[in-house]
Amino acid sequence: MRDDEAGEVVGFCGIYQNRPTEVEICGMVHPRRRRRGVFSRLLDEALAELRGRGVGRVLLIVDRSCEAGEVFAKAWGGTLESSEYRMRQSVAPRLQGAYEQLSLRPATRAPDDVEFVRDCIQRAFELPEEDVARDDWAARAERTVVIEHAGTAVGVMHVDRDEEAAEAGIYGFAVLPELQGRGYGRGALSTVTRALREEGIESVHLEVLVDNPAALHLYESCGFVSGGIEDYYLIPL
C-alpha cells in the first residue's frame, strides 16, 4: 500500500498459495503508520481476492514476539492453528558413514515420480485425501528433489535458492514413515546443505512444528538453530 500524499510505501500484505485449498498471509506496516488501520485494509482486500478464488482456508502468520500481531489476529476472529520454529543453519555438518550412500536427483513429471512425491508428502504430513486430490502433483514434482538410498526412493525435498541474497530455504522435506529413524533425513539434509555451500549459499533456513520434537532434534543435529516462533492463525473468510 502506498500513501498517495507522501508517495511512500507504508505497508504490504503477501499472499502465498502452496495448495489450492489453503493460503498463508503475512505482511507489515511502516512503524510510523501503525495503528491507523493500514493492515486491516490490506487484509480486507486480500480476503476479498481469496473469496473470489474459492480458497477454503486462510492462515495469518504472526511472529510470536509481536504481541500486537496476536491481538490483531484474534480481533479478526483468528484461532491458533499451529506454531513453527524458524530455524537457520550457518555451518553445514560433516557427512559420515551410510550417509554417503544417499543421492538426490530432480523429480520429473513421469508418472512414477509424481506418484511418489504425492504419496510421500501425504503420508509423512498426514494430509487429508480431499486436499491431496486437488493439488497439481505434476507441477509439484518438477519443483522437488527425490532422495534415494542405494537407488531406492526414500523421501522428497524442495530447495528454494535466492542467489542474490546467498540464501536458500528448504520446504516439503519428508521421508516415508516406515523408513524414518534410519538416518536418511539427516544424511539428505547434510548432503543438500553442503552442496549449497559449494554453490555460494551462505545461509539455509527452514521451519518445523513446535510439537514435532523428533524433527526438531534432527534439524538441531544438522546445525540449525531456532530464531523465533511463528504462529499460524486460521482467519474466517
Protein backbone atom coordinates (compact mmCIF):
# COMPACT_ATOMS: atom_id res chain seq x y z
CA MET A 1 0.00 0.00 0.00
CA ARG A 2 1.27 3.47 -0.94
CA ASP A 3 0.50 6.75 0.76
CA ASP A 4 -0.79 8.97 -2.06
CA GLU A 5 0.22 12.20 -0.35
CA ALA A 6 3.70 11.22 0.83
CA GLY A 7 4.37 8.95 -2.15
CA GLU A 8 5.91 6.23 0.01
CA VAL A 9 5.09 2.60 0.64
CA VAL A 10 3.52 2.23 4.10
CA GLY A 11 2.66 -1.47 4.18
CA PHE A 12 2.31 -4.72 2.29
CA CYS A 13 0.33 -7.95 2.51
CA GLY A 14 1.81 -11.08 0.93
CA ILE A 15 -0.36 -13.98 -0.29
CA TYR A 16 1.38 -17.36 -0.52
CA GLN A 17 -0.63 -20.18 -2.05
CA ASN A 18 1.16 -23.51 -1.99
CA ARG A 19 -2.04 -25.57 -2.16
CA PRO A 20 -5.34 -24.91 -3.97
CA THR A 21 -7.36 -25.08 -0.76
CA GLU A 22 -5.11 -23.11 1.59
CA VAL A 23 -3.33 -19.76 1.60
CA GLU A 24 -0.85 -18.18 4.00
CA ILE A 25 -0.77 -14.43 4.56
CA CYS A 26 1.82 -12.21 6.20
CA GLY A 27 2.77 -8.58 6.00
CA MET A 28 3.99 -5.49 7.77
CA VAL A 29 3.32 -1.79 8.19
CA HIS A 30 5.82 1.06 8.39
CA PRO A 31 6.44 1.87 12.10
CA ARG A 32 5.24 5.47 11.64
CA ARG A 33 1.94 4.30 10.09
CA ARG A 34 0.91 1.64 12.57
CA ARG A 35 -2.41 1.78 14.47
CA ARG A 36 -4.06 3.60 11.57
CA GLY A 37 -5.89 0.64 10.03
CA VAL A 38 -3.38 0.12 7.23
CA PHE A 39 -3.04 -3.64 7.60
CA SER A 40 -6.77 -4.03 8.25
CA ARG A 41 -7.42 -2.52 4.82
CA LEU A 42 -4.78 -4.71 3.22
CA LEU A 43 -6.12 -7.88 4.82
CA ASP A 44 -9.69 -6.98 3.89
CA GLU A 45 -8.68 -6.63 0.24
CA ALA A 46 -6.68 -9.87 0.37
CA LEU A 47 -9.61 -11.83 1.79
CA ALA A 48 -11.92 -10.44 -0.88
CA GLU A 49 -9.47 -11.63 -3.53
CA LEU A 50 -9.27 -15.09 -1.94
CA ARG A 51 -13.04 -15.44 -1.75
CA GLY A 52 -13.07 -14.90 -5.50
CA ARG A 53 -10.51 -17.67 -5.93
CA GLY A 54 -12.62 -20.09 -3.92
CA VAL A 55 -9.93 -20.66 -1.30
CA GLY A 56 -11.22 -22.55 1.73
CA ARG A 57 -8.62 -21.78 4.40
CA VAL A 58 -6.58 -18.68 5.19
CA LEU A 59 -3.73 -18.73 7.71
CA LEU A 60 -2.33 -15.45 9.05
CA ILE A 61 1.32 -15.78 10.09
CA VAL A 62 2.22 -13.89 13.27
CA ASP A 63 5.64 -13.64 14.90
CA ARG A 64 5.13 -14.74 18.49
CA SER A 65 7.36 -11.94 19.76
CA CYS A 66 4.87 -9.42 18.33
CA GLU A 67 2.11 -9.06 20.92
CA ALA A 68 0.22 -6.61 18.69
CA GLY A 69 0.13 -9.25 15.95
CA GLU A 70 -1.57 -11.75 18.24
CA VAL A 71 -4.13 -9.14 19.31
CA PHE A 72 -4.79 -8.26 15.65
CA ALA A 73 -5.27 -11.91 14.62
CA LYS A 74 -7.74 -12.58 17.43
CA ALA A 75 -9.62 -9.36 16.67
CA TRP A 76 -10.24 -10.76 13.18
CA GLY A 77 -11.65 -13.95 14.69
CA GLY A 78 -8.45 -15.90 14.22
CA THR A 79 -7.84 -19.14 16.11
CA LEU A 80 -4.37 -20.55 16.67
CA GLU A 81 -3.92 -23.47 14.28
CA SER A 82 -0.23 -24.37 14.69
CA SER A 83 3.19 -22.96 15.58
CA GLU A 84 6.59 -23.42 13.97
CA TYR A 85 10.18 -22.68 14.89
CA ARG A 86 12.10 -20.60 12.35
CA MET A 87 15.45 -22.32 12.03
CA ARG A 88 18.64 -21.28 10.30
CA GLN A 89 21.91 -23.09 9.64
CA SER A 90 25.14 -21.18 9.20
CA VAL A 91 27.58 -24.12 9.14
CA ALA A 92 26.90 -27.39 7.30
CA PRO A 93 27.55 -30.63 9.24
CA ARG A 94 30.09 -33.28 8.30
CA LEU A 95 28.98 -36.29 6.25
CA GLN A 96 29.84 -39.72 7.58
CA GLY A 97 29.08 -43.43 7.32
CA ALA A 98 25.97 -44.61 5.47
CA TYR A 99 25.00 -41.05 4.56
CA GLU A 100 27.44 -41.25 1.68
CA GLN A 101 25.18 -43.87 0.05
CA LEU A 102 22.46 -41.27 -0.34
CA SER A 103 21.88 -39.43 -3.60
CA LEU A 104 19.50 -36.68 -4.66
CA ARG A 105 18.05 -36.06 -8.10
CA PRO A 106 15.45 -33.68 -9.57
CA ALA A 107 11.98 -35.21 -9.77
CA THR A 108 10.20 -35.22 -13.13
CA ARG A 109 6.63 -35.31 -14.43
CA ALA A 110 7.00 -39.03 -15.11
CA PRO A 111 4.06 -40.94 -13.52
CA ASP A 112 6.30 -42.85 -11.09
CA ASP A 113 7.92 -39.67 -9.77
CA VAL A 114 4.61 -37.80 -9.49
CA GLU A 115 3.02 -40.69 -7.60
CA PHE A 116 5.99 -41.00 -5.24
CA VAL A 117 6.05 -37.27 -4.43
CA ARG A 118 2.30 -37.29 -3.76
CA ASP A 119 2.39 -40.44 -1.64
CA CYS A 120 5.44 -39.44 0.39
CA ILE A 121 4.13 -35.95 1.25
CA GLN A 122 0.62 -37.15 2.01
CA ARG A 123 1.76 -39.93 4.32
CA ALA A 124 4.58 -38.05 6.04
CA PHE A 125 2.44 -34.98 6.77
CA GLU A 126 -0.81 -36.94 7.21
CA LEU A 127 -2.70 -34.74 4.75
CA PRO A 128 -6.44 -35.31 4.17
CA GLU A 129 -7.22 -37.18 0.96
CA GLU A 130 -9.60 -34.44 -0.24
CA ASP A 131 -6.82 -31.83 -0.01
CA VAL A 132 -4.29 -34.04 -1.77
CA ALA A 133 -6.68 -34.75 -4.64
CA ARG A 134 -6.83 -31.04 -5.60
CA ASP A 135 -3.09 -30.43 -5.84
CA ASP A 136 -1.21 -30.32 -9.14
CA TRP A 137 1.28 -33.02 -8.24
CA ALA A 138 2.96 -32.98 -11.64
CA ALA A 139 3.89 -29.32 -11.12
CA ARG A 140 4.97 -30.07 -7.56
CA ALA A 141 7.22 -32.89 -8.74
CA GLU A 142 9.05 -30.54 -11.10
CA ARG A 143 9.99 -28.35 -8.12
CA THR A 144 11.06 -31.27 -5.92
CA VAL A 145 14.17 -33.34 -5.29
CA VAL A 146 13.88 -37.10 -4.75
CA ILE A 147 16.05 -38.58 -2.01
CA GLU A 148 17.38 -42.06 -2.87
CA HIS A 149 19.31 -44.64 -0.85
CA ALA A 150 21.10 -47.29 -2.87
CA GLY A 151 18.89 -46.40 -5.84
CA THR A 152 15.56 -46.62 -3.95
CA ALA A 153 13.42 -43.52 -3.39
CA VAL A 154 13.03 -42.84 0.34
CA GLY A 155 11.98 -39.18 0.58
CA VAL A 156 11.49 -35.78 -1.04
CA MET A 157 12.63 -32.20 -0.52
CA HIS A 158 12.12 -28.81 -2.15
CA VAL A 159 15.02 -26.34 -2.18
CA ASP A 160 14.33 -22.69 -2.98
CA ARG A 161 17.51 -20.74 -3.81
CA ASP A 162 17.99 -16.98 -3.65
CA GLU A 163 21.43 -16.48 -5.20
CA GLU A 164 21.30 -12.69 -4.85
CA ALA A 165 20.84 -12.95 -1.07
CA ALA A 166 23.10 -16.04 -0.85
CA GLU A 167 20.26 -17.83 1.00
CA ALA A 168 18.19 -20.95 0.48
CA GLY A 169 15.03 -22.34 2.03
CA ILE A 170 14.07 -25.99 2.45
CA TYR A 171 10.39 -26.94 2.26
CA GLY A 172 8.26 -30.06 1.89
CA PHE A 173 11.02 -32.20 3.40
CA ALA A 174 9.67 -35.70 4.06
CA VAL A 175 10.84 -39.30 4.42
CA LEU A 176 8.45 -42.24 4.06
CA PRO A 177 7.05 -43.02 7.55
CA GLU A 178 8.24 -46.64 7.54
CA LEU A 179 11.79 -45.54 6.71
CA GLN A 180 12.13 -42.77 9.28
CA GLY A 181 14.71 -43.15 12.04
CA ARG A 182 17.35 -44.70 9.76
CA GLY A 183 19.39 -41.56 9.19
CA TYR A 184 18.07 -40.83 5.70
CA GLY A 185 16.71 -37.41 6.67
CA ARG A 186 19.91 -36.37 8.41
CA GLY A 187 22.01 -37.62 5.52
CA ALA A 188 19.90 -35.85 2.90
CA LEU A 189 19.88 -32.59 4.83
CA SER A 190 23.63 -32.74 5.33
CA THR A 191 24.20 -33.53 1.65
CA VAL A 192 21.99 -30.69 0.43
CA THR A 193 23.35 -28.03 2.77
CA ARG A 194 26.96 -28.95 1.95
CA ALA A 195 26.16 -28.73 -1.78
CA LEU A 196 24.53 -25.35 -1.26
CA ARG A 197 27.68 -24.06 0.47
CA GLU A 198 29.70 -25.14 -2.57
CA GLU A 199 27.30 -23.11 -4.76
CA GLY A 200 27.98 -20.00 -2.69
CA ILE A 201 24.89 -20.15 -0.47
CA GLU A 202 25.84 -18.79 2.96
CA SER A 203 22.67 -19.46 4.97
CA VAL A 204 19.92 -22.10 4.84
CA HIS A 205 16.57 -21.79 6.62
CA LEU A 206 13.54 -23.99 7.25
CA GLU A 207 10.57 -24.28 9.61
CA VAL A 208 9.46 -27.10 11.92
CA LEU A 209 6.35 -27.60 14.01
CA VAL A 210 6.84 -26.81 17.69
CA ASP A 211 5.10 -30.07 18.63
CA ASN A 212 7.40 -32.24 16.46
CA PRO A 213 10.37 -32.95 18.78
CA ALA A 214 11.82 -35.67 16.53
CA ALA A 215 12.13 -33.31 13.56
CA LEU A 216 13.42 -30.53 15.81
CA HIS A 217 16.16 -32.83 17.11
CA LEU A 218 17.07 -33.79 13.53
CA TYR A 219 17.50 -30.19 12.45
CA GLU A 220 19.44 -29.23 15.55
CA SER A 221 21.79 -32.17 14.97
CA CYS A 222 22.44 -30.77 11.49
CA GLY A 223 23.46 -27.35 12.83
CA PHE A 224 20.15 -25.50 12.65
CA VAL A 225 19.23 -23.14 15.47
CA SER A 226 15.89 -21.53 16.30
CA GLY A 227 15.42 -17.86 15.51
CA GLY A 228 11.91 -17.49 16.90
CA ILE A 229 8.40 -18.91 16.60
CA GLU A 230 5.72 -18.19 14.04
CA ASP A 231 2.07 -18.74 14.98
CA TYR A 232 -0.48 -19.60 12.29
CA TYR A 233 -3.98 -18.25 12.91
CA LEU A 234 -6.95 -19.57 10.94
CA ILE A 235 -8.86 -16.48 9.76
CA PRO A 236 -12.55 -16.82 8.84
CA LEU A 237 -13.45 -15.90 5.27
